[in-house]
PDB file of all heavy atoms in Angstrom:
ATOM      1  N   PHE A   1       0.860  -1.147  -0.013  1.00  0.00           N
ATOM      2  CA  PHE A   1      -0.018  -0.011   0.008  1.00  0.00           C
ATOM      3  C   PHE A   1       0.873   1.219   0.015  1.00  0.00           C
ATOM      4  O   PHE A   1       2.051   1.196   0.301  1.00  0.00           O
ATOM      5  CB  PHE A   1      -0.927   0.011   1.231  1.00  0.00           C
ATOM      6  CG  PHE A   1      -0.252   0.243   2.541  1.00  0.00           C
ATOM      7  CD1 PHE A   1      -0.149   1.523   3.042  1.00  0.00           C
ATOM      8  CD2 PHE A   1       0.280  -0.824   3.256  1.00  0.00           C
ATOM      9  CE1 PHE A   1       0.485   1.756   4.281  1.00  0.00           C
ATOM     10  CE2 PHE A   1       0.915  -0.599   4.444  1.00  0.00           C
ATOM     11  CZ  PHE A   1       1.061   0.690   4.907  1.00  0.00           C
ATOM     12  N   GLY A   2       0.272   2.394  -0.362  1.00  0.00           N
ATOM     13  CA  GLY A   2       1.063   3.616  -0.406  1.00  0.00           C
ATOM     14  C   GLY A   2       0.227   4.798  -0.154  1.00  0.00           C
ATOM     15  O   GLY A   2      -1.098   4.713  -0.196  1.00  0.00           O
ATOM     16  N   ALA A   3       0.838   5.935   0.070  1.00  0.00           N
ATOM     17  CA  ALA A   3       0.085   7.228   0.216  1.00  0.00           C
ATOM     18  C   ALA A   3       0.959   8.281  -0.445  1.00  0.00           C
ATOM     19  O   ALA A   3       2.253   8.254  -0.381  1.00  0.00           O
ATOM     20  CB  ALA A   3      -0.131   7.532   1.725  1.00  0.00           C
ATOM     21  N   ASN A   4       0.346   9.307  -0.983  1.00  0.00           N
ATOM     22  CA  ASN A   4       1.076  10.428  -1.627  1.00  0.00           C
ATOM     23  C   ASN A   4       0.369  11.693  -1.546  1.00  0.00           C
ATOM     24  O   ASN A   4      -0.870  11.759  -1.590  1.00  0.00           O
ATOM     25  CB  ASN A   4       1.375  10.007  -3.070  1.00  0.00           C
ATOM     26  CG  ASN A   4       0.078   9.963  -3.957  1.00  0.00           C
ATOM     27  OD1 ASN A   4      -0.637   8.965  -3.830  1.00  0.00           O
ATOM     28  ND2 ASN A   4      -0.137  10.963  -4.735  1.00  0.00           N
ATOM     29  N   LEU A   5       1.089  12.752  -1.521  1.00  0.00           N
ATOM     30  CA  LEU A   5       0.614  14.102  -1.571  1.00  0.00           C
ATOM     31  C   LEU A   5       1.248  14.810  -2.724  1.00  0.00           C
ATOM     32  O   LEU A   5       2.450  14.904  -2.828  1.00  0.00           O
ATOM     33  CB  LEU A   5       0.954  14.869  -0.262  1.00  0.00           C
ATOM     34  CG  LEU A   5       0.619  16.359  -0.197  1.00  0.00           C
ATOM     35  CD1 LEU A   5      -0.946  16.475  -0.274  1.00  0.00           C
ATOM     36  CD2 LEU A   5       1.135  16.977   1.091  1.00  0.00           C
ATOM     37  N   GLY A   6       0.416  15.261  -3.704  1.00  0.00           N
ATOM     38  CA  GLY A   6       0.920  15.844  -4.906  1.00  0.00           C
ATOM     39  C   GLY A   6       0.280  17.145  -5.267  1.00  0.00           C
ATOM     40  O   GLY A   6      -0.694  17.625  -4.673  1.00  0.00           O
ATOM     41  N   LEU A   7       0.756  17.723  -6.400  1.00  0.00           N
ATOM     42  CA  LEU A   7       0.225  18.974  -6.957  1.00  0.00           C
ATOM     43  C   LEU A   7      -0.244  18.722  -8.391  1.00  0.00           C
ATOM     44  O   LEU A   7       0.318  17.892  -9.082  1.00  0.00           O
ATOM     45  CB  LEU A   7       1.297  20.063  -6.973  1.00  0.00           C
ATOM     46  CG  LEU A   7       1.687  20.648  -5.590  1.00  0.00           C
ATOM     47  CD1 LEU A   7       2.789  21.611  -5.798  1.00  0.00           C
ATOM     48  CD2 LEU A   7       0.510  21.324  -4.977  1.00  0.00           C
ATOM     49  N   GLY A   8      -1.207  19.497  -8.828  1.00  0.00           N
ATOM     50  CA  GLY A   8      -1.644  19.426 -10.240  1.00  0.00           C
ATOM     51  C   GLY A   8      -2.374  20.657 -10.656  1.00  0.00           C
ATOM     52  O   GLY A   8      -2.681  21.558  -9.742  1.00  0.00           O
ATOM     53  N   LEU A   9      -2.754  20.710 -11.864  1.00  0.00           N
ATOM     54  CA  LEU A   9      -3.649  21.844 -12.331  1.00  0.00           C
ATOM     55  C   LEU A   9      -4.423  21.369 -13.561  1.00  0.00           C
ATOM     56  O   LEU A   9      -4.037  20.492 -14.286  1.00  0.00           O
ATOM     57  CB  LEU A   9      -2.831  23.106 -12.647  1.00  0.00           C
ATOM     58  CG  LEU A   9      -1.761  23.057 -13.647  1.00  0.00           C
ATOM     59  CD1 LEU A   9      -2.296  23.394 -15.041  1.00  0.00           C
ATOM     60  CD2 LEU A   9      -0.663  24.125 -13.381  1.00  0.00           C
ATOM     61  N   ASN A  10      -5.560  22.067 -13.700  1.00  0.00           N
ATOM     62  CA  ASN A  10      -6.414  21.852 -14.852  1.00  0.00           C
ATOM     63  C   ASN A  10      -6.499  23.103 -15.656  1.00  0.00           C
ATOM     64  O   ASN A  10      -6.686  24.222 -15.059  1.00  0.00           O
ATOM     65  CB  ASN A  10      -7.809  21.401 -14.404  1.00  0.00           C
ATOM     66  CG  ASN A  10      -7.798  20.175 -13.604  1.00  0.00           C
ATOM     67  OD1 ASN A  10      -8.463  20.176 -12.560  1.00  0.00           O
ATOM     68  ND2 ASN A  10      -7.173  19.105 -14.063  1.00  0.00           N
ATOM     69  N   TYR A  11      -6.429  22.994 -16.973  1.00  0.00           N
ATOM     70  CA  TYR A  11      -6.682  24.165 -17.879  1.00  0.00           C
ATOM     71  C   TYR A  11      -7.959  23.860 -18.662  1.00  0.00           C
ATOM     72  O   TYR A  11      -8.008  22.956 -19.458  1.00  0.00           O
ATOM     73  CB  TYR A  11      -5.455  24.360 -18.814  1.00  0.00           C
ATOM     74  CG  TYR A  11      -5.826  25.504 -19.831  1.00  0.00           C
ATOM     75  CD1 TYR A  11      -5.797  26.788 -19.492  1.00  0.00           C
ATOM     76  CD2 TYR A  11      -6.072  25.133 -21.163  1.00  0.00           C
ATOM     77  CE1 TYR A  11      -6.100  27.783 -20.421  1.00  0.00           C
ATOM     78  CE2 TYR A  11      -6.458  26.074 -22.112  1.00  0.00           C
ATOM     79  CZ  TYR A  11      -6.410  27.467 -21.725  1.00  0.00           C
ATOM     80  OH  TYR A  11      -6.679  28.388 -22.623  1.00  0.00           O
ATOM     81  N   PHE A  12      -8.979  24.690 -18.440  1.00  0.00           N
ATOM     82  CA  PHE A  12     -10.241  24.492 -19.082  1.00  0.00           C
ATOM     83  C   PHE A  12     -10.232  25.016 -20.518  1.00  0.00           C
ATOM     84  O   PHE A  12     -10.155  26.210 -20.753  1.00  0.00           O
ATOM     85  CB  PHE A  12     -11.382  25.142 -18.329  1.00  0.00           C
ATOM     86  CG  PHE A  12     -11.850  24.283 -17.202  1.00  0.00           C
ATOM     87  CD1 PHE A  12     -11.208  24.358 -15.931  1.00  0.00           C
ATOM     88  CD2 PHE A  12     -12.949  23.443 -17.255  1.00  0.00           C
ATOM     89  CE1 PHE A  12     -11.622  23.573 -14.839  1.00  0.00           C
ATOM     90  CE2 PHE A  12     -13.346  22.690 -16.211  1.00  0.00           C
ATOM     91  CZ  PHE A  12     -12.702  22.750 -15.014  1.00  0.00           C
ATOM     92  N   VAL A  13     -10.334  24.069 -21.477  1.00  0.00           N
ATOM     93  CA  VAL A  13     -10.430  24.455 -22.862  1.00  0.00           C
ATOM     94  C   VAL A  13     -11.852  24.926 -23.185  1.00  0.00           C
ATOM     95  O   VAL A  13     -12.068  25.866 -23.923  1.00  0.00           O
ATOM     96  CB  VAL A  13     -10.023  23.304 -23.793  1.00  0.00           C
ATOM     97  CG1 VAL A  13     -10.121  23.689 -25.225  1.00  0.00           C
ATOM     98  CG2 VAL A  13      -8.626  22.779 -23.452  1.00  0.00           C
ATOM     99  N   THR A  14     -12.823  24.210 -22.648  1.00  0.00           N
ATOM    100  CA  THR A  14     -14.269  24.582 -22.685  1.00  0.00           C
ATOM    101  C   THR A  14     -14.799  24.508 -21.316  1.00  0.00           C
ATOM    102  O   THR A  14     -13.996  24.302 -20.372  1.00  0.00           O
ATOM    103  CB  THR A  14     -15.033  23.653 -23.604  1.00  0.00           C
ATOM    104  OG1 THR A  14     -15.142  22.347 -22.999  1.00  0.00           O
ATOM    105  CG2 THR A  14     -14.392  23.447 -25.028  1.00  0.00           C
ATOM    106  N   GLU A  15     -16.080  24.747 -21.177  1.00  0.00           N
ATOM    107  CA  GLU A  15     -16.715  24.695 -19.856  1.00  0.00           C
ATOM    108  C   GLU A  15     -16.607  23.273 -19.253  1.00  0.00           C
ATOM    109  O   GLU A  15     -16.644  23.114 -18.019  1.00  0.00           O
ATOM    110  CB  GLU A  15     -18.156  25.182 -19.856  1.00  0.00           C
ATOM    111  CG  GLU A  15     -18.269  26.654 -20.183  1.00  0.00           C
ATOM    112  CD  GLU A  15     -19.698  27.116 -20.123  1.00  0.00           C
ATOM    113  OE1 GLU A  15     -20.198  27.376 -19.022  1.00  0.00           O
ATOM    114  OE2 GLU A  15     -20.302  27.125 -21.208  1.00  0.00           O
ATOM    115  N   ARG A  16     -16.561  22.251 -20.099  1.00  0.00           N
ATOM    116  CA  ARG A  16     -16.591  20.864 -19.587  1.00  0.00           C
ATOM    117  C   ARG A  16     -15.251  20.123 -19.769  1.00  0.00           C
ATOM    118  O   ARG A  16     -14.982  19.188 -19.069  1.00  0.00           O
ATOM    119  CB  ARG A  16     -17.729  20.098 -20.266  1.00  0.00           C
ATOM    120  CG  ARG A  16     -19.116  20.586 -19.808  1.00  0.00           C
ATOM    121  CD  ARG A  16     -20.183  19.618 -20.288  1.00  0.00           C
ATOM    122  NE  ARG A  16     -21.556  20.115 -19.882  1.00  0.00           N
ATOM    123  CZ  ARG A  16     -22.059  19.874 -18.639  1.00  0.00           C
ATOM    124  NH1 ARG A  16     -21.319  19.202 -17.801  1.00  0.00           N
ATOM    125  NH2 ARG A  16     -23.208  20.275 -18.354  1.00  0.00           N
ATOM    126  N   PHE A  17     -14.429  20.485 -20.774  1.00  0.00           N
ATOM    127  CA  PHE A  17     -13.231  19.777 -21.046  1.00  0.00           C
ATOM    128  C   PHE A  17     -12.030  20.583 -20.515  1.00  0.00           C
ATOM    129  O   PHE A  17     -11.977  21.783 -20.752  1.00  0.00           O
ATOM    130  CB  PHE A  17     -13.050  19.509 -22.567  1.00  0.00           C
ATOM    131  CG  PHE A  17     -13.773  18.336 -23.075  1.00  0.00           C
ATOM    132  CD1 PHE A  17     -15.023  18.459 -23.736  1.00  0.00           C
ATOM    133  CD2 PHE A  17     -13.308  17.021 -22.864  1.00  0.00           C
ATOM    134  CE1 PHE A  17     -15.736  17.402 -24.196  1.00  0.00           C
ATOM    135  CE2 PHE A  17     -13.964  15.903 -23.308  1.00  0.00           C
ATOM    136  CZ  PHE A  17     -15.172  16.114 -23.995  1.00  0.00           C
ATOM    137  N   ALA A  18     -11.126  19.843 -19.858  1.00  0.00           N
ATOM    138  CA  ALA A  18      -9.898  20.535 -19.358  1.00  0.00           C
ATOM    139  C   ALA A  18      -8.707  19.565 -19.570  1.00  0.00           C
ATOM    140  O   ALA A  18      -8.817  18.356 -19.678  1.00  0.00           O
ATOM    141  CB  ALA A  18     -10.041  20.808 -17.853  1.00  0.00           C
ATOM    142  N   ILE A  19      -7.568  20.219 -19.813  1.00  0.00           N
ATOM    143  CA  ILE A  19      -6.312  19.491 -19.929  1.00  0.00           C
ATOM    144  C   ILE A  19      -5.696  19.402 -18.505  1.00  0.00           C
ATOM    145  O   ILE A  19      -5.656  20.396 -17.736  1.00  0.00           O
ATOM    146  CB  ILE A  19      -5.314  20.208 -20.838  1.00  0.00           C
ATOM    147  CG1 ILE A  19      -5.880  20.333 -22.248  1.00  0.00           C
ATOM    148  CG2 ILE A  19      -3.967  19.448 -20.908  1.00  0.00           C
ATOM    149  CD1 ILE A  19      -5.051  21.186 -23.189  1.00  0.00           C
ATOM    150  N   SER A  20      -5.300  18.203 -18.092  1.00  0.00           N
ATOM    151  CA  SER A  20      -4.747  17.963 -16.795  1.00  0.00           C
ATOM    152  C   SER A  20      -3.214  17.857 -16.769  1.00  0.00           C
ATOM    153  O   SER A  20      -2.694  17.204 -17.669  1.00  0.00           O
ATOM    154  CB  SER A  20      -5.376  16.704 -16.182  1.00  0.00           C
ATOM    155  OG  SER A  20      -6.752  16.817 -16.075  1.00  0.00           O
ATOM    156  N   PHE A  21      -2.630  18.450 -15.794  1.00  0.00           N
ATOM    157  CA  PHE A  21      -1.183  18.367 -15.547  1.00  0.00           C
ATOM    158  C   PHE A  21      -0.929  17.924 -14.153  1.00  0.00           C
ATOM    159  O   PHE A  21      -1.203  18.670 -13.239  1.00  0.00           O
ATOM    160  CB  PHE A  21      -0.472  19.694 -15.806  1.00  0.00           C
ATOM    161  CG  PHE A  21      -0.733  20.305 -17.177  1.00  0.00           C
ATOM    162  CD1 PHE A  21      -1.792  21.139 -17.361  1.00  0.00           C
ATOM    163  CD2 PHE A  21       0.123  20.086 -18.237  1.00  0.00           C
ATOM    164  CE1 PHE A  21      -2.087  21.769 -18.561  1.00  0.00           C
ATOM    165  CE2 PHE A  21      -0.140  20.643 -19.416  1.00  0.00           C
ATOM    166  CZ  PHE A  21      -1.205  21.538 -19.633  1.00  0.00           C
ATOM    167  N   VAL A  22      -0.505  16.676 -13.990  1.00  0.00           N
ATOM    168  CA  VAL A  22      -0.135  16.146 -12.603  1.00  0.00           C
ATOM    169  C   VAL A  22       1.357  16.430 -12.516  1.00  0.00           C
ATOM    170  O   VAL A  22       2.205  15.741 -13.141  1.00  0.00           O
ATOM    171  CB  VAL A  22      -0.476  14.677 -12.453  1.00  0.00           C
ATOM    172  CG1 VAL A  22      -0.094  14.218 -11.087  1.00  0.00           C
ATOM    173  CG2 VAL A  22      -1.928  14.428 -12.745  1.00  0.00           C
ATOM    174  N   LEU A  23       1.720  17.353 -11.705  1.00  0.00           N
ATOM    175  CA  LEU A  23       3.078  17.913 -11.709  1.00  0.00           C
ATOM    176  C   LEU A  23       4.043  16.981 -11.019  1.00  0.00           C
ATOM    177  O   LEU A  23       5.023  16.487 -11.563  1.00  0.00           O
ATOM    178  CB  LEU A  23       3.149  19.284 -11.050  1.00  0.00           C
ATOM    179  CG  LEU A  23       2.229  20.341 -11.754  1.00  0.00           C
ATOM    180  CD1 LEU A  23       2.379  21.669 -11.028  1.00  0.00           C
ATOM    181  CD2 LEU A  23       2.559  20.447 -13.214  1.00  0.00           C
ATOM    182  N   SER A  24       3.842  16.745  -9.727  1.00  0.00           N
ATOM    183  CA  SER A  24       4.836  15.891  -9.015  1.00  0.00           C
ATOM    184  C   SER A  24       4.287  15.565  -7.612  1.00  0.00           C
ATOM    185  O   SER A  24       3.395  16.244  -7.102  1.00  0.00           O
ATOM    186  CB  SER A  24       6.157  16.581  -8.870  1.00  0.00           C
ATOM    187  OG  SER A  24       7.108  15.767  -8.227  1.00  0.00           O
ATOM    188  N   ASP A  25       4.794  14.509  -7.033  1.00  0.00           N
ATOM    189  CA  ASP A  25       4.478  14.212  -5.629  1.00  0.00           C
ATOM    190  C   ASP A  25       5.472  14.950  -4.737  1.00  0.00           C
ATOM    191  O   ASP A  25       6.644  14.958  -4.885  1.00  0.00           O
ATOM    192  CB  ASP A  25       4.637  12.723  -5.377  1.00  0.00           C
ATOM    193  CG  ASP A  25       3.520  11.875  -5.906  1.00  0.00           C
ATOM    194  OD1 ASP A  25       2.430  12.460  -6.157  1.00  0.00           O
ATOM    195  OD2 ASP A  25       3.741  10.650  -6.186  1.00  0.00           O
ATOM    196  N   ILE A  26       4.846  15.661  -3.723  1.00  0.00           N
ATOM    197  CA  ILE A  26       5.697  16.357  -2.714  1.00  0.00           C
ATOM    198  C   ILE A  26       6.166  15.324  -1.680  1.00  0.00           C
ATOM    199  O   ILE A  26       7.331  15.286  -1.325  1.00  0.00           O
ATOM    200  CB  ILE A  26       4.916  17.483  -2.088  1.00  0.00           C
ATOM    201  CG1 ILE A  26       4.444  18.485  -3.099  1.00  0.00           C
ATOM    202  CG2 ILE A  26       5.755  18.163  -0.965  1.00  0.00           C
ATOM    203  CD1 ILE A  26       3.556  19.586  -2.532  1.00  0.00           C
ATOM    204  N   LEU A  27       5.248  14.515  -1.208  1.00  0.00           N
ATOM    205  CA  LEU A  27       5.536  13.510  -0.247  1.00  0.00           C
ATOM    206  C   LEU A  27       4.989  12.119  -0.695  1.00  0.00           C
ATOM    207  O   LEU A  27       3.857  12.176  -1.278  1.00  0.00           O
ATOM    208  CB  LEU A  27       5.019  13.789   1.137  1.00  0.00           C
ATOM    209  CG  LEU A  27       5.457  15.117   1.822  1.00  0.00           C
ATOM    210  CD1 LEU A  27       4.636  15.393   3.028  1.00  0.00           C
ATOM    211  CD2 LEU A  27       6.927  15.005   2.146  1.00  0.00           C
ATOM    212  N   SER A  28       5.633  11.046  -0.500  1.00  0.00           N
ATOM    213  CA  SER A  28       5.155   9.757  -0.865  1.00  0.00           C
ATOM    214  C   SER A  28       5.647   8.691   0.102  1.00  0.00           C
ATOM    215  O   SER A  28       6.826   8.746   0.561  1.00  0.00           O
ATOM    216  CB  SER A  28       5.457   9.359  -2.281  1.00  0.00           C
ATOM    217  OG  SER A  28       6.851   9.267  -2.487  1.00  0.00           O
ATOM    218  N   TYR A  29       4.829   7.700   0.427  1.00  0.00           N
ATOM    219  CA  TYR A  29       5.197   6.596   1.242  1.00  0.00           C
ATOM    220  C   TYR A  29       4.696   5.310   0.623  1.00  0.00           C
ATOM    221  O   TYR A  29       3.522   5.236   0.203  1.00  0.00           O
ATOM    222  CB  TYR A  29       4.632   6.775   2.651  1.00  0.00           C
ATOM    223  CG  TYR A  29       4.854   5.490   3.520  1.00  0.00           C
ATOM    224  CD1 TYR A  29       6.003   5.251   4.171  1.00  0.00           C
ATOM    225  CD2 TYR A  29       3.810   4.558   3.704  1.00  0.00           C
ATOM    226  CE1 TYR A  29       6.278   4.141   4.952  1.00  0.00           C
ATOM    227  CE2 TYR A  29       4.037   3.472   4.429  1.00  0.00           C
ATOM    228  CZ  TYR A  29       5.218   3.229   5.075  1.00  0.00           C
ATOM    229  OH  TYR A  29       5.415   2.115   5.848  1.00  0.00           O
ATOM    230  N   ASN A  30       5.556   4.282   0.556  1.00  0.00           N
ATOM    231  CA  ASN A  30       5.185   3.023  -0.026  1.00  0.00           C
ATOM    232  C   ASN A  30       5.696   1.876   0.872  1.00  0.00           C
ATOM    233  O   ASN A  30       6.832   1.936   1.380  1.00  0.00           O
ATOM    234  CB  ASN A  30       5.685   2.899  -1.425  1.00  0.00           C
ATOM    235  CG  ASN A  30       5.058   3.805  -2.410  1.00  0.00           C
ATOM    236  OD1 ASN A  30       3.931   3.591  -2.853  1.00  0.00           O
ATOM    237  ND2 ASN A  30       5.729   4.947  -2.681  1.00  0.00           N
ATOM    238  N   SER A  31       4.884   0.844   0.988  1.00  0.00           N
ATOM    239  CA  SER A  31       5.289  -0.359   1.694  1.00  0.00           C
ATOM    240  C   SER A  31       4.806  -1.573   0.871  1.00  0.00           C
ATOM    241  O   SER A  31       3.684  -1.646   0.431  1.00  0.00           O
ATOM    242  CB  SER A  31       4.614  -0.388   3.075  1.00  0.00           C
ATOM    243  OG  SER A  31       5.034  -1.563   3.816  1.00  0.00           O
ATOM    244  N   ALA A  32       5.764  -2.523   0.677  1.00  0.00           N
ATOM    245  CA  ALA A  32       5.440  -3.708  -0.119  1.00  0.00           C
ATOM    246  C   ALA A  32       6.059  -4.942   0.465  1.00  0.00           C
ATOM    247  O   ALA A  32       7.109  -4.878   1.121  1.00  0.00           O
ATOM    248  CB  ALA A  32       5.903  -3.513  -1.596  1.00  0.00           C
ATOM    249  N   LYS A  33       5.438  -6.098   0.204  1.00  0.00           N
ATOM    250  CA  LYS A  33       5.890  -7.385   0.694  1.00  0.00           C
ATOM    251  C   LYS A  33       5.866  -8.390  -0.403  1.00  0.00           C
ATOM    252  O   LYS A  33       4.771  -8.510  -1.065  1.00  0.00           O
ATOM    253  CB  LYS A  33       5.064  -7.834   1.908  1.00  0.00           C
ATOM    254  CG  LYS A  33       5.569  -9.114   2.544  1.00  0.00           C
ATOM    255  CD  LYS A  33       4.764  -9.512   3.772  1.00  0.00           C
ATOM    256  CE  LYS A  33       5.202 -10.799   4.412  1.00  0.00           C
ATOM    257  NZ  LYS A  33       4.426 -11.165   5.590  1.00  0.00           N
TER     258      LYS A  33
END
């Protein structure tokens, strides 16, 4: 399992459609077995 805190933004081309930019994770934690 994992957890992450990130940043992003949306640019609205129309009222309903937007381009998404997921910039980066500021903090992240992961654990695997």
